[in-house]
Amino acid sequence: MKNIIAIAFVMFSLTSFAQKKVQEVVILTTAECGSCKDRIESKMNYTKGIKFAEVDVPSKKLTVKFKTKNFSLKEIKEMVVALGYDADEMKANPEAYEALPACCKVEGMQHME
């Protein structure tokens, strides 16, 4: 009986350690320019529980490392959407999108040239 309890404890411990405490994800956004990059990174990097956020404007990809005890992937995407940008399949909040400068709107940089 003691062996069964010991084995169960070891299995539970290994499962607990196997769970990721920090997750890294890459999210496709509609970021268009340096202002978009600054806006998204400022919000993310100054949020408790987010370890790292960086937008690569040419690819429109946002890389985020976050603590899984603080956030889910859906909550991370909701933060991006609330700023006015798409996040993978989630569409931007319409009011936040309208408040963005012209250069930050979809294809906004093309209209600026």
C-alpha atoms as a PDB file:
ATOM      1  CA  MET A   1       0.000   0.000   0.000  1.00  0.00           C
ATOM      2  CA  LYS A   2       2.867   2.381   0.839  1.00  0.00           C
ATOM      3  CA  ASN A   3       4.388   1.694  -2.576  1.00  0.00           C
ATOM      4  CA  ILE A   4       1.155   2.655  -4.327  1.00  0.00           C
ATOM      5  CA  ILE A   5       0.960   5.904  -2.373  1.00  0.00           C
ATOM      6  CA  ALA A   6       4.618   6.656  -3.110  1.00  0.00           C
ATOM      7  CA  ILE A   7       4.143   5.973  -6.832  1.00  0.00           C
ATOM      8  CA  ALA A   8       1.030   8.157  -6.917  1.00  0.00           C
ATOM      9  CA  PHE A   9       2.923  10.981  -5.195  1.00  0.00           C
ATOM     10  CA  VAL A  10       5.813  10.745  -7.660  1.00  0.00           C
ATOM     11  CA  MET A  11       3.432  10.746 -10.646  1.00  0.00           C
ATOM     12  CA  PHE A  12       1.589  13.789  -9.274  1.00  0.00           C
ATOM     13  CA  SER A  13       4.884  15.609  -8.686  1.00  0.00           C
ATOM     14  CA  LEU A  14       6.109  14.886 -12.209  1.00  0.00           C
ATOM     15  CA  THR A  15       2.817  16.067 -13.681  1.00  0.00           C
ATOM     16  CA  SER A  16       2.996  19.300 -11.700  1.00  0.00           C
ATOM     17  CA  PHE A  17       6.530  20.011 -12.866  1.00  0.00           C
ATOM     18  CA  ALA A  18       5.666  19.126 -16.461  1.00  0.00           C
ATOM     19  CA  GLN A  19       3.024  21.841 -16.660  1.00  0.00           C
ATOM     20  CA  LYS A  20       4.375  24.989 -18.234  1.00  0.00           C
ATOM     21  CA  LYS A  21       4.541  27.943 -15.920  1.00  0.00           C
ATOM     22  CA  VAL A  22       5.543  30.313 -18.713  1.00  0.00           C
ATOM     23  CA  GLN A  23       4.113  29.880 -22.192  1.00  0.00           C
ATOM     24  CA  GLU A  24       5.365  31.453 -25.408  1.00  0.00           C
ATOM     25  CA  VAL A  25       2.934  32.119 -28.240  1.00  0.00           C
ATOM     26  CA  VAL A  26       3.050  33.847 -31.598  1.00  0.00           C
ATOM     27  CA  ILE A  27      -0.083  35.752 -32.602  1.00  0.00           C
ATOM     28  CA  LEU A  28      -0.801  37.187 -36.033  1.00  0.00           C
ATOM     29  CA  THR A  29      -1.947  40.802 -35.682  1.00  0.00           C
ATOM     30  CA  THR A  30      -2.901  43.679 -37.966  1.00  0.00           C
ATOM     31  CA  ALA A  31      -0.036  45.875 -36.743  1.00  0.00           C
ATOM     32  CA  GLU A  32       1.027  48.253 -39.529  1.00  0.00           C
ATOM     33  CA  CYS A  33       3.788  50.521 -38.212  1.00  0.00           C
ATOM     34  CA  GLY A  34       6.119  51.515 -35.416  1.00  0.00           C
ATOM     35  CA  SER A  35       3.276  53.198 -33.544  1.00  0.00           C
ATOM     36  CA  CYS A  36       1.369  49.910 -33.528  1.00  0.00           C
ATOM     37  CA  LYS A  37       4.479  48.143 -32.246  1.00  0.00           C
ATOM     38  CA  ASP A  38       4.908  50.693 -29.449  1.00  0.00           C
ATOM     39  CA  ARG A  39       1.228  50.606 -28.493  1.00  0.00           C
ATOM     40  CA  ILE A  40       1.025  46.812 -28.262  1.00  0.00           C
ATOM     41  CA  GLU A  41       4.414  46.296 -26.601  1.00  0.00           C
ATOM     42  CA  SER A  42       3.809  49.069 -24.055  1.00  0.00           C
ATOM     43  CA  LYS A  43       0.516  47.548 -22.972  1.00  0.00           C
ATOM     44  CA  MET A  44       1.846  44.005 -22.836  1.00  0.00           C
ATOM     45  CA  ASN A  45       5.279  44.598 -21.327  1.00  0.00           C
ATOM     46  CA  TYR A  46       3.865  46.663 -18.467  1.00  0.00           C
ATOM     47  CA  THR A  47       1.233  44.085 -17.529  1.00  0.00           C
ATOM     48  CA  LYS A  48       1.977  41.906 -14.514  1.00  0.00           C
ATOM     49  CA  GLY A  49       2.298  38.283 -15.571  1.00  0.00           C
ATOM     50  CA  ILE A  50       3.616  39.028 -19.044  1.00  0.00           C
ATOM     51  CA  LYS A  51       7.333  38.368 -19.199  1.00  0.00           C
ATOM     52  CA  PHE A  52       8.008  39.517 -22.768  1.00  0.00           C
ATOM     53  CA  ALA A  53       6.140  40.929 -25.746  1.00  0.00           C
ATOM     54  CA  GLU A  54       7.560  41.951 -29.105  1.00  0.00           C
ATOM     55  CA  VAL A  55       5.909  42.853 -32.400  1.00  0.00           C
ATOM     56  CA  ASP A  56       7.675  42.161 -35.671  1.00  0.00           C
ATOM     57  CA  VAL A  57       5.968  44.718 -37.917  1.00  0.00           C
ATOM     58  CA  PRO A  58       6.960  43.283 -41.339  1.00  0.00           C
ATOM     59  CA  SER A  59       5.476  39.860 -40.475  1.00  0.00           C
ATOM     60  CA  LYS A  60       2.754  41.342 -38.214  1.00  0.00           C
ATOM     61  CA  LYS A  61       3.602  38.708 -35.604  1.00  0.00           C
ATOM     62  CA  LEU A  62       3.413  39.327 -31.874  1.00  0.00           C
ATOM     63  CA  THR A  63       5.498  37.046 -29.688  1.00  0.00           C
ATOM     64  CA  VAL A  64       4.384  36.890 -26.066  1.00  0.00           C
ATOM     65  CA  LYS A  65       5.776  34.994 -23.072  1.00  0.00           C
ATOM     66  CA  PHE A  66       3.327  34.950 -20.182  1.00  0.00           C
ATOM     67  CA  LYS A  67       2.718  33.223 -16.877  1.00  0.00           C
ATOM     68  CA  THR A  68      -0.006  30.641 -17.291  1.00  0.00           C
ATOM     69  CA  LYS A  69      -1.227  31.186 -13.749  1.00  0.00           C
ATOM     70  CA  ASN A  70      -2.062  34.808 -14.691  1.00  0.00           C
ATOM     71  CA  PHE A  71      -3.384  34.471 -18.240  1.00  0.00           C
ATOM     72  CA  SER A  72      -4.760  32.101 -20.821  1.00  0.00           C
ATOM     73  CA  LEU A  73      -4.017  32.429 -24.532  1.00  0.00           C
ATOM     74  CA  LYS A  74      -7.555  33.724 -25.044  1.00  0.00           C
ATOM     75  CA  GLU A  75      -6.982  36.489 -22.467  1.00  0.00           C
ATOM     76  CA  ILE A  76      -3.749  37.522 -24.188  1.00  0.00           C
ATOM     77  CA  LYS A  77      -5.593  37.755 -27.506  1.00  0.00           C
ATOM     78  CA  GLU A  78      -8.390  39.745 -25.840  1.00  0.00           C
ATOM     79  CA  MET A  79      -5.808  42.321 -24.724  1.00  0.00           C
ATOM     80  CA  VAL A  80      -4.654  42.773 -28.327  1.00  0.00           C
ATOM     81  CA  VAL A  81      -8.239  43.003 -29.586  1.00  0.00           C
ATOM     82  CA  ALA A  82      -9.031  45.642 -26.945  1.00  0.00           C
ATOM     83  CA  LEU A  83      -6.193  47.768 -28.345  1.00  0.00           C
ATOM     84  CA  GLY A  84      -7.830  47.792 -31.791  1.00  0.00           C
ATOM     85  CA  TYR A  85      -5.900  45.019 -33.543  1.00  0.00           C
ATOM     86  CA  ASP A  86      -6.887  41.570 -34.770  1.00  0.00           C
ATOM     87  CA  ALA A  87      -5.341  38.651 -32.894  1.00  0.00           C
ATOM     88  CA  ASP A  88      -5.353  35.509 -35.035  1.00  0.00           C
ATOM     89  CA  GLU A  89      -9.031  34.635 -35.538  1.00  0.00           C
ATOM     90  CA  MET A  90     -10.314  37.294 -33.109  1.00  0.00           C
ATOM     91  CA  LYS A  91     -11.344  40.590 -34.717  1.00  0.00           C
ATOM     92  CA  ALA A  92     -10.352  43.986 -33.307  1.00  0.00           C
ATOM     93  CA  ASN A  93     -12.711  45.857 -31.014  1.00  0.00           C
ATOM     94  CA  PRO A  94     -14.505  48.233 -33.438  1.00  0.00           C
ATOM     95  CA  GLU A  95     -14.390  51.270 -31.121  1.00  0.00           C
ATOM     96  CA  ALA A  96     -10.704  50.776 -30.344  1.00  0.00           C
ATOM     97  CA  TYR A  97      -9.946  50.273 -34.033  1.00  0.00           C
ATOM     98  CA  GLU A  98     -11.694  53.517 -34.988  1.00  0.00           C
ATOM     99  CA  ALA A  99      -9.677  55.391 -32.350  1.00  0.00           C
ATOM    100  CA  LEU A 100      -6.359  54.280 -33.892  1.00  0.00           C
ATOM    101  CA  PRO A 101      -4.367  56.794 -35.951  1.00  0.00           C
ATOM    102  CA  ALA A 102      -4.797  56.407 -39.734  1.00  0.00           C
ATOM    103  CA  CYS A 103      -1.361  54.816 -40.110  1.00  0.00           C
ATOM    104  CA  CYS A 104      -2.351  52.037 -37.695  1.00  0.00           C
ATOM    105  CA  LYS A 105      -5.477  50.961 -39.548  1.00  0.00           C
ATOM    106  CA  VAL A 106      -5.435  48.044 -41.976  1.00  0.00           C
ATOM    107  CA  GLU A 107      -3.264  49.048 -44.943  1.00  0.00           C
ATOM    108  CA  GLY A 108      -2.942  52.475 -43.337  1.00  0.00           C
ATOM    109  CA  MET A 109       0.728  52.786 -44.220  1.00  0.00           C
ATOM    110  CA  GLN A 110      -0.074  52.206 -47.905  1.00  0.00           C
ATOM    111  CA  HIS A 111      -2.495  55.136 -47.848  1.00  0.00           C
ATOM    112  CA  MET A 112       0.152  57.339 -46.186  1.00  0.00           C
ATOM    113  CA  GLU A 113       2.641  56.969 -49.066  1.00  0.00           C
END
